[in-house]
Structures are given as C-alpha cells and as structure tokens.
C-alpha cells in the first residue's frame, strides 16, 4: 500500500504538469519554459512526499491534520509568489 501511494503521488504530479503543457498548444497566454516545469514539478512532488512522510510518521490525528494544513498553506503561498509575486521577492512572476 505504501508504494502504491508513492506511485499515485508521482502520477498526480505528472497529470498536473500536463495541464499547462497541453494548454501551451492551444493558447499563447500559457508560456512555460523548461525551468517552470522543473520548479513546479519539484514543488508538487516535494509536497506530496512531505505529506506522505507526515501521514506515515505522525500518529496523532489532530497533529497530523495541523501539519498537513501548514504544509499546504506554505506550498500555496510559494506557488502564489512564483506566479504573481505577492511578497515582492525577486522570484515573483508578473
């Protein structure tokens, strides 16, 4: 079961990355470079693997939910910063 979840994490990450790849063929508004795919893939796969580690290691359901929520909030903030630059760092997109 544990390996099955890891395969699902990888497949979901690849599926999410297919969305902008396909959209690039139909619209000029989606313009990703290789670095964008690498960064998004690392962020998605890393998040999935960290969440999997939390699910496996933390026994207390309350702490597990808190940790997963914090992880997802951090990932969303990183994704928003990379997309539109909400914090004004040099990594922010336009």
N, C-alpha and C. Protein backbone atom coordinates (compact mmCIF):
# COMPACT_ATOMS: atom_id res chain seq x y z
N UNK A 1 0.82 -1.20 0.00
CA UNK A 1 0.00 0.00 0.00
C UNK A 1 0.86 1.26 0.00
N UNK A 2 1.99 1.22 0.71
CA UNK A 2 2.83 2.41 0.81
C UNK A 2 3.42 2.77 -0.55
N UNK A 3 3.88 1.75 -1.30
CA UNK A 3 4.42 2.03 -2.62
C UNK A 3 3.34 2.48 -3.59
N UNK A 4 2.15 1.99 -3.40
CA UNK A 4 1.03 2.39 -4.26
C UNK A 4 0.74 3.89 -4.09
N UNK A 5 0.81 4.37 -2.85
CA UNK A 5 0.59 5.80 -2.62
C UNK A 5 1.68 6.65 -3.24
N UNK A 6 2.91 6.16 -3.22
CA UNK A 6 4.01 6.91 -3.85
C UNK A 6 3.81 6.99 -5.37
N UNK A 7 3.36 5.91 -5.96
CA UNK A 7 3.07 5.92 -7.40
C UNK A 7 1.95 6.90 -7.70
N UNK A 8 0.93 6.94 -6.86
CA UNK A 8 -0.18 7.87 -7.05
C UNK A 8 0.30 9.31 -6.94
N UNK A 9 1.20 9.59 -6.00
CA UNK A 9 1.74 10.95 -5.85
C UNK A 9 2.48 11.37 -7.12
N UNK A 10 3.30 10.49 -7.65
CA UNK A 10 4.05 10.80 -8.87
C UNK A 10 3.10 11.00 -10.05
N UNK A 11 2.09 10.15 -10.18
CA UNK A 11 1.15 10.26 -11.30
C UNK A 11 0.32 11.54 -11.22
N UNK A 12 -0.10 11.92 -10.02
CA UNK A 12 -0.86 13.17 -9.86
C UNK A 12 0.02 14.36 -10.21
N UNK A 13 1.28 14.34 -9.77
CA UNK A 13 2.20 15.43 -10.11
C UNK A 13 2.38 15.55 -11.63
N UNK A 14 2.55 14.42 -12.29
CA UNK A 14 2.68 14.44 -13.75
C UNK A 14 1.42 14.92 -14.43
N UNK A 15 0.26 14.50 -13.93
CA UNK A 15 -1.01 14.93 -14.51
C UNK A 15 -1.19 16.44 -14.39
N UNK A 16 -0.86 16.98 -13.23
CA UNK A 16 -0.99 18.44 -13.04
C UNK A 16 -0.04 19.18 -13.98
N UNK A 17 1.14 18.64 -14.21
CA UNK A 17 2.09 19.29 -15.13
C UNK A 17 1.66 19.16 -16.59
N UNK A 18 0.83 18.18 -16.89
CA UNK A 18 0.32 18.04 -18.25
C UNK A 18 -0.65 19.15 -18.62
N UNK A 19 -1.31 19.72 -17.63
CA UNK A 19 -2.31 20.76 -17.90
C UNK A 19 -1.68 21.97 -18.59
N UNK A 20 -0.61 22.58 -18.04
CA UNK A 20 -0.01 23.71 -18.77
C UNK A 20 0.68 23.28 -20.06
N UNK A 21 1.20 22.05 -20.10
CA UNK A 21 1.84 21.57 -21.32
C UNK A 21 0.84 21.50 -22.46
N UNK A 22 -0.33 20.98 -22.19
CA UNK A 22 -1.38 20.91 -23.22
C UNK A 22 -1.91 22.30 -23.53
N UNK A 23 -2.08 23.12 -22.50
CA UNK A 23 -2.61 24.47 -22.71
C UNK A 23 -1.68 25.32 -23.57
N UNK A 24 -0.39 25.04 -23.53
CA UNK A 24 0.57 25.81 -24.34
C UNK A 24 0.33 25.60 -25.84
N UNK A 25 -0.24 24.47 -26.19
CA UNK A 25 -0.50 24.18 -27.60
C UNK A 25 -1.76 24.86 -28.12
N UNK A 26 -2.64 25.29 -27.21
CA UNK A 26 -3.90 25.88 -27.62
C UNK A 26 -4.01 27.38 -27.35
N UNK A 27 -3.11 27.92 -26.54
CA UNK A 27 -3.21 29.33 -26.16
C UNK A 27 -1.82 29.95 -26.06
N UNK A 28 -1.73 31.19 -26.48
CA UNK A 28 -0.47 31.92 -26.33
C UNK A 28 -0.32 32.51 -24.94
N UNK A 29 -1.39 32.48 -24.14
CA UNK A 29 -1.34 33.04 -22.80
C UNK A 29 -0.56 32.16 -21.83
N UNK A 30 -0.46 30.88 -22.12
CA UNK A 30 0.33 29.96 -21.29
C UNK A 30 1.68 29.80 -21.96
N UNK A 31 2.71 30.31 -21.30
CA UNK A 31 4.04 30.30 -21.88
C UNK A 31 5.05 29.84 -20.83
N UNK A 32 5.13 28.53 -20.61
CA UNK A 32 6.05 27.97 -19.64
C UNK A 32 7.33 27.56 -20.31
N UNK A 33 8.42 27.74 -19.61
CA UNK A 33 9.72 27.27 -20.07
C UNK A 33 10.06 26.00 -19.30
N UNK A 34 11.17 25.37 -19.66
CA UNK A 34 11.59 24.14 -19.01
C UNK A 34 11.78 24.36 -17.51
N UNK A 35 12.36 25.50 -17.14
CA UNK A 35 12.58 25.80 -15.72
C UNK A 35 11.27 25.87 -14.96
N UNK A 36 10.22 26.39 -15.58
CA UNK A 36 8.91 26.45 -14.92
C UNK A 36 8.38 25.06 -14.62
N UNK A 37 8.54 24.14 -15.57
CA UNK A 37 8.09 22.77 -15.35
C UNK A 37 8.92 22.08 -14.28
N UNK A 38 10.21 22.33 -14.27
CA UNK A 38 11.08 21.71 -13.26
C UNK A 38 10.72 22.22 -11.87
N UNK A 39 10.53 23.52 -11.73
CA UNK A 39 10.21 24.10 -10.42
C UNK A 39 8.84 23.63 -9.96
N UNK A 40 7.85 23.66 -10.85
CA UNK A 40 6.50 23.21 -10.47
C UNK A 40 6.51 21.72 -10.14
N UNK A 41 7.24 20.93 -10.91
CA UNK A 41 7.32 19.51 -10.63
C UNK A 41 7.97 19.22 -9.29
N UNK A 42 9.05 19.93 -8.99
CA UNK A 42 9.73 19.76 -7.71
C UNK A 42 8.81 20.18 -6.56
N UNK A 43 8.09 21.26 -6.74
CA UNK A 43 7.18 21.74 -5.70
C UNK A 43 6.04 20.74 -5.47
N UNK A 44 5.44 20.25 -6.54
CA UNK A 44 4.35 19.29 -6.41
C UNK A 44 4.82 17.95 -5.84
N UNK A 45 5.89 17.42 -6.40
CA UNK A 45 6.39 16.13 -5.93
C UNK A 45 6.91 16.24 -4.50
N UNK A 46 7.62 17.31 -4.21
CA UNK A 46 8.13 17.51 -2.85
C UNK A 46 7.01 17.62 -1.83
N UNK A 47 5.96 18.34 -2.19
CA UNK A 47 4.82 18.47 -1.29
C UNK A 47 4.16 17.12 -1.06
N UNK A 48 3.97 16.37 -2.13
CA UNK A 48 3.37 15.05 -1.98
C UNK A 48 4.19 14.14 -1.11
N UNK A 49 5.50 14.15 -1.28
CA UNK A 49 6.37 13.28 -0.50
C UNK A 49 6.43 13.71 0.97
N UNK A 50 6.44 15.02 1.20
CA UNK A 50 6.44 15.51 2.59
C UNK A 50 5.12 15.15 3.27
N UNK A 51 4.01 15.31 2.56
CA UNK A 51 2.71 14.93 3.13
C UNK A 51 2.66 13.43 3.41
N UNK A 52 3.21 12.64 2.53
CA UNK A 52 3.26 11.20 2.74
C UNK A 52 4.09 10.87 3.99
N UNK A 53 5.21 11.55 4.17
CA UNK A 53 6.03 11.32 5.36
C UNK A 53 5.28 11.69 6.63
N UNK A 54 4.53 12.79 6.60
CA UNK A 54 3.74 13.20 7.76
C UNK A 54 2.67 12.15 8.05
N UNK A 55 2.01 11.67 7.01
CA UNK A 55 0.97 10.66 7.20
C UNK A 55 1.55 9.39 7.81
N UNK A 56 2.74 9.01 7.38
CA UNK A 56 3.36 7.79 7.90
C UNK A 56 3.91 7.94 9.31
N UNK A 57 4.48 9.09 9.64
CA UNK A 57 5.24 9.25 10.89
C UNK A 57 4.40 9.73 12.07
N UNK A 58 3.44 10.61 11.83
CA UNK A 58 2.70 11.20 12.95
C UNK A 58 1.46 10.36 13.22
N UNK A 59 1.33 9.89 14.45
CA UNK A 59 0.22 9.02 14.83
C UNK A 59 -1.02 9.79 15.25
N UNK A 60 -0.82 10.89 15.98
CA UNK A 60 -1.95 11.66 16.50
C UNK A 60 -2.67 12.35 15.35
N UNK A 61 -3.96 12.06 15.20
CA UNK A 61 -4.75 12.59 14.08
C UNK A 61 -4.80 14.12 14.08
N UNK A 62 -4.93 14.71 15.26
CA UNK A 62 -5.01 16.18 15.36
C UNK A 62 -3.71 16.82 14.87
N UNK A 63 -2.58 16.34 15.33
CA UNK A 63 -1.29 16.89 14.91
C UNK A 63 -1.03 16.63 13.43
N UNK A 64 -1.48 15.49 12.96
CA UNK A 64 -1.32 15.15 11.54
C UNK A 64 -2.07 16.15 10.67
N UNK A 65 -3.31 16.47 11.04
CA UNK A 65 -4.11 17.43 10.27
C UNK A 65 -3.51 18.84 10.34
N UNK A 66 -3.01 19.21 11.50
CA UNK A 66 -2.38 20.53 11.64
C UNK A 66 -1.14 20.61 10.75
N UNK A 67 -0.30 19.58 10.78
CA UNK A 67 0.92 19.58 9.97
C UNK A 67 0.59 19.61 8.48
N UNK A 68 -0.38 18.82 8.05
CA UNK A 68 -0.76 18.80 6.64
C UNK A 68 -1.33 20.15 6.21
N UNK A 69 -2.11 20.78 7.07
CA UNK A 69 -2.65 22.11 6.76
C UNK A 69 -1.54 23.15 6.62
N UNK A 70 -0.58 23.12 7.53
CA UNK A 70 0.54 24.06 7.47
C UNK A 70 1.35 23.85 6.20
N UNK A 71 1.60 22.59 5.86
CA UNK A 71 2.35 22.28 4.64
C UNK A 71 1.63 22.82 3.41
N UNK A 72 0.33 22.59 3.32
CA UNK A 72 -0.43 23.04 2.15
C UNK A 72 -0.51 24.56 2.08
N UNK A 73 -0.63 25.22 3.21
CA UNK A 73 -0.64 26.69 3.21
C UNK A 73 0.70 27.24 2.73
N UNK A 74 1.79 26.65 3.20
CA UNK A 74 3.11 27.10 2.77
C UNK A 74 3.30 26.89 1.27
N UNK A 75 2.87 25.75 0.76
CA UNK A 75 3.00 25.46 -0.67
C UNK A 75 2.16 26.44 -1.49
N UNK A 76 0.95 26.72 -1.04
CA UNK A 76 0.11 27.69 -1.76
C UNK A 76 0.74 29.08 -1.78
N UNK A 77 1.32 29.49 -0.66
CA UNK A 77 1.99 30.79 -0.62
C UNK A 77 3.20 30.82 -1.56
N UNK A 78 3.97 29.74 -1.59
CA UNK A 78 5.11 29.68 -2.51
C UNK A 78 4.62 29.72 -3.95
N UNK A 79 3.57 28.95 -4.26
CA UNK A 79 3.02 28.92 -5.63
C UNK A 79 2.52 30.31 -6.04
N UNK A 80 1.83 30.99 -5.14
CA UNK A 80 1.33 32.34 -5.46
C UNK A 80 2.48 33.32 -5.66
N UNK A 81 3.51 33.20 -4.84
CA UNK A 81 4.67 34.09 -5.00
C UNK A 81 5.34 33.86 -6.35
N UNK A 82 5.51 32.61 -6.73
CA UNK A 82 6.13 32.32 -8.01
C UNK A 82 5.25 32.74 -9.17
N UNK A 83 3.94 32.69 -8.99
CA UNK A 83 3.01 33.03 -10.08
C UNK A 83 2.86 34.54 -10.26
N UNK A 84 2.60 35.26 -9.17
CA UNK A 84 2.27 36.69 -9.31
C UNK A 84 3.10 37.61 -8.42
N UNK A 85 3.90 37.07 -7.53
CA UNK A 85 4.76 37.91 -6.71
C UNK A 85 4.04 38.66 -5.61
N UNK A 86 3.30 37.95 -4.74
CA UNK A 86 2.54 38.62 -3.69
C UNK A 86 3.42 39.22 -2.60
N UNK A 87 4.65 38.72 -2.45
CA UNK A 87 5.54 39.24 -1.41
C UNK A 87 6.60 40.19 -1.94
N UNK A 88 6.70 40.31 -3.25
CA UNK A 88 7.66 41.24 -3.84
C UNK A 88 9.09 40.75 -3.86
N UNK A 89 9.31 39.45 -3.82
CA UNK A 89 10.67 38.94 -3.91
C UNK A 89 11.12 38.92 -5.35
N UNK A 90 12.40 38.76 -5.61
CA UNK A 90 12.88 38.70 -6.99
C UNK A 90 12.40 37.46 -7.74
N UNK A 91 11.86 36.47 -7.02
CA UNK A 91 11.38 35.25 -7.66
C UNK A 91 9.97 35.39 -8.17
N UNK A 92 9.29 36.45 -7.80
CA UNK A 92 7.89 36.63 -8.16
C UNK A 92 7.67 36.82 -9.65
N UNK A 93 6.60 36.21 -10.12
CA UNK A 93 6.24 36.33 -11.53
C UNK A 93 5.46 37.61 -11.80
N UNK A 94 5.14 37.82 -13.06
CA UNK A 94 4.37 39.01 -13.44
C UNK A 94 3.12 38.58 -14.16
